[in-house]
């Protein structure tokens, strides 16, 4: 493993797995992400409108290049159905060279 700042992990939640699939597919087609992992049926508990709310949501783990995080963040805000989407950016302490290269290749505009 080598320390890399070239890959970022972006976490967001969304109301259903279907919405998660749609969002992930759009971001993949736009090459803003190299990969998405969707974790369904996550129990979320949070403050909203002055009360504690509980919902089932899907969690998306989105992998992208570090230099694309702001562009990805803006696009999530545009596409996301929530008024206040959760967008958390994590920079890994280490990423394998091969994985970082794959993320870089996968987020380049298509040659076709």
N, C-alpha and C. Protein backbone atom coordinates (compact mmCIF):
# COMPACT_ATOMS: atom_id res chain seq x y z
N UNK A 1 0.84 -1.18 0.00
CA UNK A 1 0.00 0.00 0.00
C UNK A 1 0.88 1.24 0.00
N UNK A 2 0.43 2.23 -0.69
CA UNK A 2 1.15 3.49 -0.74
C UNK A 2 0.19 4.61 -0.36
N UNK A 3 0.69 5.60 0.33
CA UNK A 3 -0.15 6.74 0.70
C UNK A 3 -0.50 7.50 -0.57
N UNK A 4 -1.78 7.74 -0.77
CA UNK A 4 -2.25 8.42 -1.97
C UNK A 4 -3.32 9.43 -1.60
N UNK A 5 -3.29 10.59 -2.22
CA UNK A 5 -4.37 11.54 -2.07
C UNK A 5 -5.20 11.56 -3.35
N UNK A 6 -4.89 10.64 -4.27
CA UNK A 6 -5.52 10.66 -5.58
C UNK A 6 -6.88 9.98 -5.61
N UNK A 7 -7.28 9.32 -4.53
CA UNK A 7 -8.57 8.64 -4.48
C UNK A 7 -9.35 9.16 -3.28
N UNK A 8 -10.64 9.36 -3.47
CA UNK A 8 -11.51 9.78 -2.37
C UNK A 8 -12.72 8.86 -2.32
N UNK A 9 -13.23 8.67 -1.13
CA UNK A 9 -14.44 7.91 -0.89
C UNK A 9 -15.51 8.90 -0.45
N UNK A 10 -16.61 8.95 -1.17
CA UNK A 10 -17.69 9.88 -0.87
C UNK A 10 -18.90 9.05 -0.43
N UNK A 11 -19.43 9.39 0.72
CA UNK A 11 -20.57 8.67 1.29
C UNK A 11 -21.80 9.55 1.18
N UNK A 12 -22.90 8.96 0.76
CA UNK A 12 -24.19 9.63 0.79
C UNK A 12 -25.26 8.60 1.09
N UNK A 13 -26.40 9.06 1.57
CA UNK A 13 -27.54 8.19 1.80
C UNK A 13 -28.70 8.68 0.94
N UNK A 14 -29.62 7.77 0.65
CA UNK A 14 -30.77 8.10 -0.20
C UNK A 14 -31.93 7.20 0.21
N UNK A 15 -33.13 7.58 -0.14
CA UNK A 15 -34.33 6.94 0.42
C UNK A 15 -34.50 5.46 0.11
N UNK A 16 -34.16 5.02 -1.09
CA UNK A 16 -34.38 3.62 -1.46
C UNK A 16 -33.21 3.06 -2.26
N UNK A 17 -33.12 1.74 -2.34
CA UNK A 17 -32.09 1.12 -3.17
C UNK A 17 -32.30 1.47 -4.64
N UNK A 18 -33.55 1.60 -5.06
CA UNK A 18 -33.83 1.98 -6.44
C UNK A 18 -33.27 3.37 -6.74
N UNK A 19 -33.50 4.32 -5.83
CA UNK A 19 -32.92 5.66 -6.02
C UNK A 19 -31.39 5.59 -6.01
N UNK A 20 -30.84 4.75 -5.16
CA UNK A 20 -29.38 4.58 -5.09
C UNK A 20 -28.84 4.06 -6.41
N UNK A 21 -29.50 3.06 -6.97
CA UNK A 21 -29.08 2.49 -8.26
C UNK A 21 -29.13 3.55 -9.36
N UNK A 22 -30.19 4.34 -9.37
CA UNK A 22 -30.35 5.38 -10.39
C UNK A 22 -29.25 6.43 -10.26
N UNK A 23 -29.01 6.90 -9.05
CA UNK A 23 -27.98 7.90 -8.82
C UNK A 23 -26.60 7.36 -9.19
N UNK A 24 -26.29 6.16 -8.73
CA UNK A 24 -24.98 5.56 -9.02
C UNK A 24 -24.78 5.40 -10.52
N UNK A 25 -25.79 4.92 -11.21
CA UNK A 25 -25.68 4.72 -12.66
C UNK A 25 -25.41 6.04 -13.38
N UNK A 26 -26.13 7.09 -12.99
CA UNK A 26 -25.93 8.40 -13.61
C UNK A 26 -24.50 8.89 -13.39
N UNK A 27 -24.00 8.77 -12.16
CA UNK A 27 -22.64 9.22 -11.85
C UNK A 27 -21.60 8.39 -12.58
N UNK A 28 -21.85 7.09 -12.74
CA UNK A 28 -20.95 6.23 -13.52
C UNK A 28 -20.95 6.65 -14.99
N UNK A 29 -22.13 6.86 -15.56
CA UNK A 29 -22.23 7.26 -16.96
C UNK A 29 -21.53 8.58 -17.22
N UNK A 30 -21.57 9.48 -16.25
CA UNK A 30 -20.89 10.77 -16.39
C UNK A 30 -19.40 10.68 -16.05
N UNK A 31 -18.95 9.49 -15.65
CA UNK A 31 -17.56 9.21 -15.28
C UNK A 31 -17.08 10.08 -14.12
N UNK A 32 -18.01 10.43 -13.24
CA UNK A 32 -17.64 11.16 -12.03
C UNK A 32 -17.17 10.20 -10.94
N UNK A 33 -17.53 8.94 -11.07
CA UNK A 33 -17.08 7.91 -10.13
C UNK A 33 -16.57 6.71 -10.91
N UNK A 34 -15.68 5.95 -10.27
CA UNK A 34 -15.18 4.71 -10.86
C UNK A 34 -16.02 3.53 -10.41
N UNK A 35 -16.62 3.66 -9.23
CA UNK A 35 -17.30 2.53 -8.61
C UNK A 35 -18.28 3.04 -7.57
N UNK A 36 -19.37 2.31 -7.41
CA UNK A 36 -20.27 2.58 -6.29
C UNK A 36 -20.56 1.27 -5.58
N UNK A 37 -20.66 1.34 -4.29
CA UNK A 37 -21.10 0.22 -3.48
C UNK A 37 -22.37 0.68 -2.78
N UNK A 38 -23.43 -0.10 -2.93
CA UNK A 38 -24.71 0.26 -2.34
C UNK A 38 -25.01 -0.72 -1.21
N UNK A 39 -25.26 -0.16 -0.04
CA UNK A 39 -25.62 -0.95 1.13
C UNK A 39 -27.08 -0.61 1.42
N UNK A 40 -27.96 -1.57 1.25
CA UNK A 40 -29.39 -1.32 1.41
C UNK A 40 -29.86 -1.52 2.83
N UNK A 41 -31.05 -1.01 3.08
CA UNK A 41 -31.76 -1.20 4.35
C UNK A 41 -30.94 -0.81 5.57
N UNK A 42 -30.34 0.37 5.51
CA UNK A 42 -29.62 0.91 6.67
C UNK A 42 -30.60 1.72 7.52
N UNK A 43 -30.57 1.50 8.81
CA UNK A 43 -31.44 2.25 9.72
C UNK A 43 -30.79 3.59 10.05
N UNK A 44 -31.46 4.67 9.73
CA UNK A 44 -30.96 6.01 10.02
C UNK A 44 -31.85 6.67 11.06
N UNK A 45 -31.24 7.31 12.03
CA UNK A 45 -31.95 8.03 13.08
C UNK A 45 -31.33 9.42 13.16
N UNK A 46 -32.16 10.46 13.07
CA UNK A 46 -31.61 11.82 12.99
C UNK A 46 -32.64 12.85 13.41
N UNK A 47 -32.13 14.05 13.69
CA UNK A 47 -32.99 15.18 13.99
C UNK A 47 -33.47 15.79 12.67
N UNK A 48 -34.78 16.04 12.55
CA UNK A 48 -35.31 16.75 11.39
C UNK A 48 -36.59 17.46 11.81
N UNK A 49 -36.67 18.74 11.57
CA UNK A 49 -37.86 19.50 11.91
C UNK A 49 -38.15 19.53 13.40
N UNK A 50 -37.11 19.46 14.21
CA UNK A 50 -37.28 19.55 15.65
C UNK A 50 -37.63 18.25 16.35
N UNK A 51 -37.68 17.16 15.59
CA UNK A 51 -37.98 15.86 16.21
C UNK A 51 -36.99 14.80 15.74
N UNK A 52 -36.89 13.75 16.52
CA UNK A 52 -36.04 12.63 16.12
C UNK A 52 -36.84 11.77 15.15
N UNK A 53 -36.22 11.49 14.02
CA UNK A 53 -36.85 10.73 12.94
C UNK A 53 -36.07 9.45 12.69
N UNK A 54 -36.76 8.40 12.31
CA UNK A 54 -36.12 7.14 11.95
C UNK A 54 -36.62 6.72 10.57
N UNK A 55 -35.70 6.36 9.71
CA UNK A 55 -36.02 5.94 8.34
C UNK A 55 -35.08 4.81 7.93
N UNK A 56 -35.50 4.06 6.94
CA UNK A 56 -34.62 3.10 6.29
C UNK A 56 -34.10 3.76 5.03
N UNK A 57 -32.80 3.75 4.85
CA UNK A 57 -32.17 4.38 3.68
C UNK A 57 -31.16 3.41 3.08
N UNK A 58 -30.74 3.74 1.88
CA UNK A 58 -29.62 3.04 1.25
C UNK A 58 -28.39 3.92 1.39
N UNK A 59 -27.25 3.29 1.62
CA UNK A 59 -25.97 4.00 1.74
C UNK A 59 -25.19 3.78 0.45
N UNK A 60 -24.67 4.85 -0.11
CA UNK A 60 -23.80 4.75 -1.28
C UNK A 60 -22.39 5.12 -0.89
N UNK A 61 -21.45 4.26 -1.24
CA UNK A 61 -20.02 4.54 -1.11
C UNK A 61 -19.51 4.75 -2.53
N UNK A 62 -19.11 5.96 -2.82
CA UNK A 62 -18.71 6.34 -4.17
C UNK A 62 -17.20 6.57 -4.22
N UNK A 63 -16.53 5.92 -5.16
CA UNK A 63 -15.08 6.06 -5.28
C UNK A 63 -14.75 6.92 -6.49
N UNK A 64 -13.92 7.95 -6.26
CA UNK A 64 -13.57 8.87 -7.32
C UNK A 64 -12.14 9.36 -7.13
N UNK A 65 -11.69 10.18 -8.08
CA UNK A 65 -10.38 10.83 -7.95
C UNK A 65 -10.50 12.00 -6.98
N UNK A 66 -9.42 12.26 -6.27
CA UNK A 66 -9.42 13.36 -5.33
C UNK A 66 -9.70 14.70 -5.97
N UNK A 67 -9.24 14.89 -7.21
CA UNK A 67 -9.45 16.17 -7.88
C UNK A 67 -10.86 16.32 -8.46
N UNK A 68 -11.69 15.30 -8.34
CA UNK A 68 -13.06 15.36 -8.86
C UNK A 68 -14.10 15.50 -7.75
N UNK A 69 -13.66 15.59 -6.51
CA UNK A 69 -14.60 15.59 -5.39
C UNK A 69 -15.59 16.74 -5.47
N UNK A 70 -15.15 17.93 -5.75
CA UNK A 70 -16.05 19.08 -5.78
C UNK A 70 -17.07 18.95 -6.91
N UNK A 71 -16.62 18.51 -8.07
CA UNK A 71 -17.53 18.30 -9.19
C UNK A 71 -18.57 17.22 -8.84
N UNK A 72 -18.12 16.15 -8.21
CA UNK A 72 -19.03 15.08 -7.78
C UNK A 72 -20.01 15.61 -6.73
N UNK A 73 -19.53 16.36 -5.78
CA UNK A 73 -20.39 16.91 -4.74
C UNK A 73 -21.50 17.77 -5.35
N UNK A 74 -21.13 18.63 -6.28
CA UNK A 74 -22.12 19.49 -6.93
C UNK A 74 -23.16 18.67 -7.69
N UNK A 75 -22.70 17.63 -8.35
CA UNK A 75 -23.63 16.80 -9.14
C UNK A 75 -24.58 16.01 -8.23
N UNK A 76 -24.08 15.53 -7.10
CA UNK A 76 -24.95 14.84 -6.15
C UNK A 76 -26.04 15.80 -5.67
N UNK A 77 -25.67 17.03 -5.34
CA UNK A 77 -26.66 18.02 -4.89
C UNK A 77 -27.72 18.24 -5.97
N UNK A 78 -27.31 18.31 -7.24
CA UNK A 78 -28.25 18.52 -8.34
C UNK A 78 -29.21 17.35 -8.52
N UNK A 79 -28.71 16.13 -8.37
CA UNK A 79 -29.50 14.93 -8.67
C UNK A 79 -30.26 14.37 -7.47
N UNK A 80 -29.82 14.70 -6.28
CA UNK A 80 -30.34 14.06 -5.07
C UNK A 80 -31.74 14.57 -4.73
N UNK A 81 -32.66 13.67 -4.33
CA UNK A 81 -34.02 14.11 -3.99
C UNK A 81 -34.15 14.82 -2.64
N UNK A 82 -33.15 14.71 -1.77
CA UNK A 82 -33.23 15.34 -0.44
C UNK A 82 -32.90 16.83 -0.53
N UNK A 83 -33.52 17.63 0.33
CA UNK A 83 -33.18 19.05 0.44
C UNK A 83 -31.77 19.23 1.01
N UNK A 84 -31.39 18.35 1.93
CA UNK A 84 -30.08 18.41 2.57
C UNK A 84 -29.43 17.03 2.46
N UNK A 85 -28.85 16.71 1.30
CA UNK A 85 -28.24 15.38 1.17
C UNK A 85 -26.98 15.26 2.03
N UNK A 86 -26.82 14.09 2.59
CA UNK A 86 -25.59 13.78 3.33
C UNK A 86 -24.48 13.54 2.30
N UNK A 87 -23.43 14.31 2.40
CA UNK A 87 -22.26 14.13 1.53
C UNK A 87 -21.04 14.23 2.42
N UNK A 88 -20.40 13.11 2.64
CA UNK A 88 -19.21 13.05 3.50
C UNK A 88 -18.05 12.54 2.65
N UNK A 89 -16.97 13.29 2.63
CA UNK A 89 -15.79 12.93 1.84
C UNK A 89 -14.71 12.39 2.77
N UNK A 90 -14.23 11.20 2.46
CA UNK A 90 -13.16 10.57 3.23
C UNK A 90 -11.95 10.40 2.33
N UNK A 91 -10.79 10.81 2.82
CA UNK A 91 -9.55 10.61 2.09
C UNK A 91 -8.80 9.46 2.74
N UNK A 92 -8.64 8.35 2.03
CA UNK A 92 -7.97 7.19 2.61
C UNK A 92 -6.52 7.50 2.97
N UNK A 93 -6.06 6.89 4.04
CA UNK A 93 -4.65 7.02 4.43
C UNK A 93 -3.76 6.29 3.44
N UNK A 94 -4.27 5.23 2.85
CA UNK A 94 -3.49 4.45 1.90
C UNK A 94 -4.41 3.78 0.90
N UNK A 95 -3.94 3.69 -0.33
CA UNK A 95 -4.66 3.03 -1.41
C UNK A 95 -3.62 2.31 -2.26
N UNK A 96 -3.93 1.12 -2.71
CA UNK A 96 -2.96 0.40 -3.55
C UNK A 96 -2.76 1.16 -4.86
N UNK A 97 -1.55 1.09 -5.38
CA UNK A 97 -1.24 1.75 -6.65
C UNK A 97 -2.16 1.28 -7.76
N UNK A 98 -2.41 -0.03 -7.81
CA UNK A 98 -3.25 -0.59 -8.87
C UNK A 98 -4.68 -0.04 -8.78
N UNK A 99 -5.22 0.05 -7.57
CA UNK A 99 -6.58 0.55 -7.41
C UNK A 99 -6.65 2.04 -7.78
N UNK A 100 -5.67 2.81 -7.33
CA UNK A 100 -5.64 4.24 -7.66
C UNK A 100 -5.56 4.44 -9.17
N UNK A 101 -4.76 3.62 -9.84
CA UNK A 101 -4.65 3.72 -11.30
C UNK A 101 -5.98 3.38 -11.96
N UNK A 102 -6.64 2.35 -11.46
CA UNK A 102 -7.94 1.95 -12.01
C UNK A 102 -8.97 3.05 -11.82
N UNK A 103 -9.01 3.67 -10.65
CA UNK A 103 -9.95 4.78 -10.41
C UNK A 103 -9.65 5.91 -11.39
N UNK A 104 -8.38 6.22 -11.57
CA UNK A 104 -8.00 7.27 -12.50
C UNK A 104 -8.44 6.98 -13.93
N UNK A 105 -8.20 5.75 -14.38
CA UNK A 105 -8.60 5.35 -15.74
C UNK A 105 -10.11 5.35 -15.90
N UNK A 106 -10.80 4.90 -14.89
CA UNK A 106 -12.26 4.74 -14.97
C UNK A 106 -13.01 6.06 -14.93
N UNK A 107 -12.36 7.12 -14.50
CA UNK A 107 -13.03 8.42 -14.42
C UNK A 107 -12.57 9.37 -15.52
N UNK A 108 -11.82 8.85 -16.48
CA UNK A 108 -11.46 9.66 -17.64
C UNK A 108 -12.63 9.66 -18.62
N UNK A 109 -12.82 10.76 -19.35
CA UNK A 109 -13.88 10.76 -20.36
C UNK A 109 -13.68 9.62 -21.35
N UNK A 110 -14.78 9.06 -21.80
CA UNK A 110 -14.74 7.92 -22.71
C UNK A 110 -14.08 8.31 -24.03
N UNK A 111 -13.34 7.38 -24.57
CA UNK A 111 -12.70 7.59 -25.87
C UNK A 111 -13.63 7.19 -27.01
N UNK A 112 -14.79 6.68 -26.70
CA UNK A 112 -15.69 6.14 -27.73
C UNK A 112 -16.82 7.08 -28.04
